[in-house]
């Protein structure tokens, strides 16, 4: 499968230990098979170019765990975001990204304001983009860099505008859902 990673440099040899340990699927090298999502995820940084890296990933022979937006996904995200050790025995983890309210939502669960079921309902709001986390060296060996290109400022702004509009829509639905819990 063709997969993408955006950042500020060409990455021919990913470092599985570079990123945050408390990311959605724990530490690993994150990719997506959705080009539009990869472009939406692009950020601007002063004096640096945004770079879209393209790879080919062969999943044959790898242990792959796939998540849906369900309770197992929610619990795995919660544990990883809380910095708990990742015990999932997988070379690759594939599943939905969490929306930006994950920390707030988890806080409302731990404070007793929301049940886990209500929190999961909130986390299901908005578009469902898939992420792919390479977790092991074995998985990294199945990834082949193909090409990279600089993402122009105009393109970044176009996708940022799309995301801002989606965020407004998301917040409206989020607020209505929260009201339904009262």
C-alpha atoms as a PDB file:
ATOM      1  CA  UNK A   1       0.000   0.000   0.000  1.00  0.00           C
ATOM      2  CA  UNK A   2       1.081   3.596  -0.607  1.00  0.00           C
ATOM      3  CA  UNK A   3       1.392   5.611   2.616  1.00  0.00           C
ATOM      4  CA  UNK A   4       2.391   9.165   3.543  1.00  0.00           C
ATOM      5  CA  UNK A   5       4.133  11.067   6.313  1.00  0.00           C
ATOM      6  CA  UNK A   6       4.428  14.854   6.561  1.00  0.00           C
ATOM      7  CA  UNK A   7       7.038  16.744   8.489  1.00  0.00           C
ATOM      8  CA  UNK A   8       9.839  19.214   7.920  1.00  0.00           C
ATOM      9  CA  UNK A   9      12.380  16.947   6.289  1.00  0.00           C
ATOM     10  CA  UNK A  10      12.755  14.124   3.868  1.00  0.00           C
ATOM     11  CA  UNK A  11      12.718  10.904   5.892  1.00  0.00           C
ATOM     12  CA  UNK A  12      14.176   7.953   4.038  1.00  0.00           C
ATOM     13  CA  UNK A  13      14.960   5.976   7.221  1.00  0.00           C
ATOM     14  CA  UNK A  14      12.345   6.565   9.931  1.00  0.00           C
ATOM     15  CA  UNK A  15      13.283   6.521  13.605  1.00  0.00           C
ATOM     16  CA  UNK A  16      10.659   4.577  15.554  1.00  0.00           C
ATOM     17  CA  UNK A  17      11.749   6.209  18.816  1.00  0.00           C
ATOM     18  CA  UNK A  18      11.740   9.852  17.701  1.00  0.00           C
ATOM     19  CA  UNK A  19       8.083  10.717  18.316  1.00  0.00           C
ATOM     20  CA  UNK A  20       6.045  11.155  21.462  1.00  0.00           C
ATOM     21  CA  UNK A  21       5.570   8.127  23.680  1.00  0.00           C
ATOM     22  CA  UNK A  22       2.060   9.271  24.581  1.00  0.00           C
ATOM     23  CA  UNK A  23       0.671   9.465  21.040  1.00  0.00           C
ATOM     24  CA  UNK A  24      -2.605   7.703  20.119  1.00  0.00           C
ATOM     25  CA  UNK A  25      -0.960   4.350  19.407  1.00  0.00           C
ATOM     26  CA  UNK A  26       2.130   4.896  21.542  1.00  0.00           C
ATOM     27  CA  UNK A  27       5.596   5.481  20.231  1.00  0.00           C
ATOM     28  CA  UNK A  28       6.239   4.627  16.608  1.00  0.00           C
ATOM     29  CA  UNK A  29       6.469   6.087  13.125  1.00  0.00           C
ATOM     30  CA  UNK A  30       3.074   7.405  12.038  1.00  0.00           C
ATOM     31  CA  UNK A  31       1.736   7.289   8.508  1.00  0.00           C
ATOM     32  CA  UNK A  32      -1.586   7.409   6.685  1.00  0.00           C
ATOM     33  CA  UNK A  33      -2.813   5.862   3.465  1.00  0.00           C
ATOM     34  CA  UNK A  34      -4.992   8.933   2.847  1.00  0.00           C
ATOM     35  CA  UNK A  35      -3.114  11.584   0.874  1.00  0.00           C
ATOM     36  CA  UNK A  36      -5.630  14.319   1.688  1.00  0.00           C
ATOM     37  CA  UNK A  37      -5.327  13.628   5.411  1.00  0.00           C
ATOM     38  CA  UNK A  38      -1.521  13.733   5.165  1.00  0.00           C
ATOM     39  CA  UNK A  39      -1.762  17.125   3.502  1.00  0.00           C
ATOM     40  CA  UNK A  40      -4.274  18.385   6.088  1.00  0.00           C
ATOM     41  CA  UNK A  41      -1.856  17.401   8.859  1.00  0.00           C
ATOM     42  CA  UNK A  42       0.867  19.609   7.393  1.00  0.00           C
ATOM     43  CA  UNK A  43       1.992  22.524   9.533  1.00  0.00           C
ATOM     44  CA  UNK A  44       3.909  25.689   8.767  1.00  0.00           C
ATOM     45  CA  UNK A  45       7.153  26.467  10.519  1.00  0.00           C
ATOM     46  CA  UNK A  46       9.224  29.594  10.064  1.00  0.00           C
ATOM     47  CA  UNK A  47      12.265  29.084   7.798  1.00  0.00           C
ATOM     48  CA  UNK A  48      11.402  25.417   7.150  1.00  0.00           C
ATOM     49  CA  UNK A  49       9.660  23.657   4.312  1.00  0.00           C
ATOM     50  CA  UNK A  50       6.840  21.217   4.901  1.00  0.00           C
ATOM     51  CA  UNK A  51       7.679  17.904   3.262  1.00  0.00           C
ATOM     52  CA  UNK A  52       5.354  15.123   2.141  1.00  0.00           C
ATOM     53  CA  UNK A  53       7.142  11.753   2.144  1.00  0.00           C
ATOM     54  CA  UNK A  54       5.655   8.887   0.139  1.00  0.00           C
ATOM     55  CA  UNK A  55       6.365   5.235   0.938  1.00  0.00           C
ATOM     56  CA  UNK A  56       5.263   1.757   0.026  1.00  0.00           C
ATOM     57  CA  UNK A  57       4.313  -0.467   2.950  1.00  0.00           C
ATOM     58  CA  UNK A  58       4.058  -4.250   2.591  1.00  0.00           C
ATOM     59  CA  UNK A  59       2.056  -5.723   5.468  1.00  0.00           C
ATOM     60  CA  UNK A  60       2.736  -9.353   4.480  1.00  0.00           C
ATOM     61  CA  UNK A  61       4.381 -11.251   7.326  1.00  0.00           C
ATOM     62  CA  UNK A  62       3.689  -8.538   9.900  1.00  0.00           C
ATOM     63  CA  UNK A  63       1.501  -8.694  12.982  1.00  0.00           C
ATOM     64  CA  UNK A  64      -1.144  -6.031  12.309  1.00  0.00           C
ATOM     65  CA  UNK A  65      -3.748  -4.870  14.824  1.00  0.00           C
ATOM     66  CA  UNK A  66      -6.689  -2.926  13.382  1.00  0.00           C
ATOM     67  CA  UNK A  67      -8.933  -0.743  15.520  1.00  0.00           C
ATOM     68  CA  UNK A  68     -12.393   0.662  14.870  1.00  0.00           C
ATOM     69  CA  UNK A  69     -13.926   3.555  16.802  1.00  0.00           C
ATOM     70  CA  UNK A  70     -15.063   1.350  19.658  1.00  0.00           C
ATOM     71  CA  UNK A  71     -14.379   0.669  23.330  1.00  0.00           C
ATOM     72  CA  UNK A  72     -11.138  -1.272  22.690  1.00  0.00           C
ATOM     73  CA  UNK A  73      -9.813   1.671  20.634  1.00  0.00           C
ATOM     74  CA  UNK A  74     -10.858   4.162  23.325  1.00  0.00           C
ATOM     75  CA  UNK A  75      -9.139   2.178  26.097  1.00  0.00           C
ATOM     76  CA  UNK A  76      -5.948   1.747  24.039  1.00  0.00           C
ATOM     77  CA  UNK A  77      -5.841   5.483  23.272  1.00  0.00           C
ATOM     78  CA  UNK A  78      -6.512   6.331  26.909  1.00  0.00           C
ATOM     79  CA  UNK A  79      -3.669   4.131  28.136  1.00  0.00           C
ATOM     80  CA  UNK A  80      -1.210   5.451  25.553  1.00  0.00           C
ATOM     81  CA  UNK A  81      -2.132   9.082  26.143  1.00  0.00           C
ATOM     82  CA  UNK A  82      -1.692   8.465  29.880  1.00  0.00           C
ATOM     83  CA  UNK A  83       1.850   7.200  29.209  1.00  0.00           C
ATOM     84  CA  UNK A  84       1.187   3.611  30.258  1.00  0.00           C
ATOM     85  CA  UNK A  85       3.462   0.925  28.755  1.00  0.00           C
ATOM     86  CA  UNK A  86       2.213  -0.339  25.403  1.00  0.00           C
ATOM     87  CA  UNK A  87       1.570  -4.077  25.743  1.00  0.00           C
ATOM     88  CA  UNK A  88      -0.179  -4.653  22.404  1.00  0.00           C
ATOM     89  CA  UNK A  89       1.840  -7.324  20.569  1.00  0.00           C
ATOM     90  CA  UNK A  90       1.779  -5.831  17.063  1.00  0.00           C
ATOM     91  CA  UNK A  91       4.311  -4.700  14.487  1.00  0.00           C
ATOM     92  CA  UNK A  92       1.768  -2.279  13.007  1.00  0.00           C
ATOM     93  CA  UNK A  93      -1.301  -0.620  14.527  1.00  0.00           C
ATOM     94  CA  UNK A  94      -3.964   0.795  12.199  1.00  0.00           C
ATOM     95  CA  UNK A  95      -7.031   2.740  13.234  1.00  0.00           C
ATOM     96  CA  UNK A  96      -8.791   6.075  13.578  1.00  0.00           C
ATOM     97  CA  UNK A  97      -7.081   9.149  14.937  1.00  0.00           C
ATOM     98  CA  UNK A  98      -8.574  10.662  18.078  1.00  0.00           C
ATOM     99  CA  UNK A  99     -10.102  14.098  17.748  1.00  0.00           C
ATOM    100  CA  UNK A 100      -8.511  17.071  19.487  1.00  0.00           C
ATOM    101  CA  UNK A 101     -10.768  16.819  22.539  1.00  0.00           C
ATOM    102  CA  UNK A 102      -9.295  13.529  23.775  1.00  0.00           C
ATOM    103  CA  UNK A 103      -7.499  15.023  26.790  1.00  0.00           C
ATOM    104  CA  UNK A 104     -10.539  17.094  27.786  1.00  0.00           C
ATOM    105  CA  UNK A 105     -12.821  14.102  27.305  1.00  0.00           C
ATOM    106  CA  UNK A 106     -10.573  11.852  29.388  1.00  0.00           C
ATOM    107  CA  UNK A 107     -10.507  14.512  32.099  1.00  0.00           C
ATOM    108  CA  UNK A 108     -14.308  14.573  32.193  1.00  0.00           C
ATOM    109  CA  UNK A 109     -14.336  10.766  32.572  1.00  0.00           C
ATOM    110  CA  UNK A 110     -11.813  10.736  35.436  1.00  0.00           C
ATOM    111  CA  UNK A 111     -13.693  13.544  37.190  1.00  0.00           C
ATOM    112  CA  UNK A 112     -16.925  11.565  36.962  1.00  0.00           C
ATOM    113  CA  UNK A 113     -18.674  14.096  34.724  1.00  0.00           C
ATOM    114  CA  UNK A 114     -18.930  11.635  31.810  1.00  0.00           C
ATOM    115  CA  UNK A 115     -19.224   7.886  31.580  1.00  0.00           C
ATOM    116  CA  UNK A 116     -16.813   5.993  29.308  1.00  0.00           C
ATOM    117  CA  UNK A 117     -19.734   5.340  26.957  1.00  0.00           C
ATOM    118  CA  UNK A 118     -20.501   9.072  26.722  1.00  0.00           C
ATOM    119  CA  UNK A 119     -16.817   9.849  26.165  1.00  0.00           C
ATOM    120  CA  UNK A 120     -16.663   7.318  23.333  1.00  0.00           C
ATOM    121  CA  UNK A 121     -19.736   8.921  21.777  1.00  0.00           C
ATOM    122  CA  UNK A 122     -17.948  12.303  21.842  1.00  0.00           C
ATOM    123  CA  UNK A 123     -14.792  10.835  20.330  1.00  0.00           C
ATOM    124  CA  UNK A 124     -16.791   9.438  17.413  1.00  0.00           C
ATOM    125  CA  UNK A 125     -17.812  12.916  16.287  1.00  0.00           C
ATOM    126  CA  UNK A 126     -16.135  14.296  13.185  1.00  0.00           C
ATOM    127  CA  UNK A 127     -14.391  12.770  10.194  1.00  0.00           C
ATOM    128  CA  UNK A 128     -12.700   9.419  10.674  1.00  0.00           C
ATOM    129  CA  UNK A 129      -9.165   9.453   9.317  1.00  0.00           C
ATOM    130  CA  UNK A 130      -6.972   6.382   9.636  1.00  0.00           C
ATOM    131  CA  UNK A 131      -3.447   6.391  10.993  1.00  0.00           C
ATOM    132  CA  UNK A 132      -0.831   3.680  10.736  1.00  0.00           C
ATOM    133  CA  UNK A 133       1.823   3.326  13.426  1.00  0.00           C
ATOM    134  CA  UNK A 134       4.928   1.260  12.735  1.00  0.00           C
ATOM    135  CA  UNK A 135       5.905  -0.104  16.133  1.00  0.00           C
ATOM    136  CA  UNK A 136       8.824  -2.477  15.454  1.00  0.00           C
ATOM    137  CA  UNK A 137      12.034  -2.676  13.463  1.00  0.00           C
ATOM    138  CA  UNK A 138      10.465  -5.583  11.568  1.00  0.00           C
ATOM    139  CA  UNK A 139       7.664  -3.254  10.423  1.00  0.00           C
ATOM    140  CA  UNK A 140      10.191  -0.595   9.428  1.00  0.00           C
ATOM    141  CA  UNK A 141      11.935  -3.143   7.187  1.00  0.00           C
ATOM    142  CA  UNK A 142       8.654  -3.474   5.261  1.00  0.00           C
ATOM    143  CA  UNK A 143       8.556   0.267   4.520  1.00  0.00           C
ATOM    144  CA  UNK A 144      10.231   1.558   1.378  1.00  0.00           C
ATOM    145  CA  UNK A 145      10.700   5.282   0.788  1.00  0.00           C
ATOM    146  CA  UNK A 146       9.586   6.318  -2.720  1.00  0.00           C
ATOM    147  CA  UNK A 147       9.705  10.087  -2.997  1.00  0.00           C
ATOM    148  CA  UNK A 148       9.217  13.387  -1.240  1.00  0.00           C
ATOM    149  CA  UNK A 149       8.028  16.831  -2.219  1.00  0.00           C
ATOM    150  CA  UNK A 150       7.766  20.223  -0.615  1.00  0.00           C
ATOM    151  CA  UNK A 151       4.230  21.299   0.212  1.00  0.00           C
ATOM    152  CA  UNK A 152       3.768  24.931  -0.737  1.00  0.00           C
ATOM    153  CA  UNK A 153       2.450  27.604   1.612  1.00  0.00           C
ATOM    154  CA  UNK A 154      -0.699  28.120  -0.513  1.00  0.00           C
ATOM    155  CA  UNK A 155      -1.500  24.402  -0.342  1.00  0.00           C
ATOM    156  CA  UNK A 156      -0.983  24.393   3.436  1.00  0.00           C
ATOM    157  CA  UNK A 157      -3.286  27.400   3.840  1.00  0.00           C
ATOM    158  CA  UNK A 158      -5.964  25.754   1.663  1.00  0.00           C
ATOM    159  CA  UNK A 159      -6.026  22.667   3.864  1.00  0.00           C
ATOM    160  CA  UNK A 160      -5.874  24.760   7.047  1.00  0.00           C
ATOM    161  CA  UNK A 161      -8.990  26.639   5.872  1.00  0.00           C
ATOM    162  CA  UNK A 162     -10.778  23.320   5.281  1.00  0.00           C
ATOM    163  CA  UNK A 163      -9.797  22.105   8.733  1.00  0.00           C
ATOM    164  CA  UNK A 164     -10.934  25.335  10.407  1.00  0.00           C
ATOM    165  CA  UNK A 165     -14.365  24.997   8.781  1.00  0.00           C
ATOM    166  CA  UNK A 166     -14.599  21.352   9.854  1.00  0.00           C
ATOM    167  CA  UNK A 167     -13.554  22.340  13.383  1.00  0.00           C
ATOM    168  CA  UNK A 168     -16.426  24.840  13.612  1.00  0.00           C
ATOM    169  CA  UNK A 169     -18.894  22.163  12.463  1.00  0.00           C
ATOM    170  CA  UNK A 170     -17.359  19.662  14.876  1.00  0.00           C
ATOM    171  CA  UNK A 171     -17.654  22.020  17.862  1.00  0.00           C
ATOM    172  CA  UNK A 172     -21.340  22.615  17.087  1.00  0.00           C
ATOM    173  CA  UNK A 173     -22.070  18.870  17.055  1.00  0.00           C
ATOM    174  CA  UNK A 174     -19.866  18.351  20.132  1.00  0.00           C
ATOM    175  CA  UNK A 175     -21.802  20.998  22.102  1.00  0.00           C
ATOM    176  CA  UNK A 176     -25.171  19.505  21.101  1.00  0.00           C
ATOM    177  CA  UNK A 177     -23.984  16.042  22.123  1.00  0.00           C
ATOM    178  CA  UNK A 178     -22.759  17.340  25.486  1.00  0.00           C
ATOM    179  CA  UNK A 179     -26.146  19.009  26.046  1.00  0.00           C
ATOM    180  CA  UNK A 180     -27.861  15.679  25.411  1.00  0.00           C
ATOM    181  CA  UNK A 181     -25.954  14.167  28.349  1.00  0.00           C
ATOM    182  CA  UNK A 182     -27.386  16.698  30.837  1.00  0.00           C
END
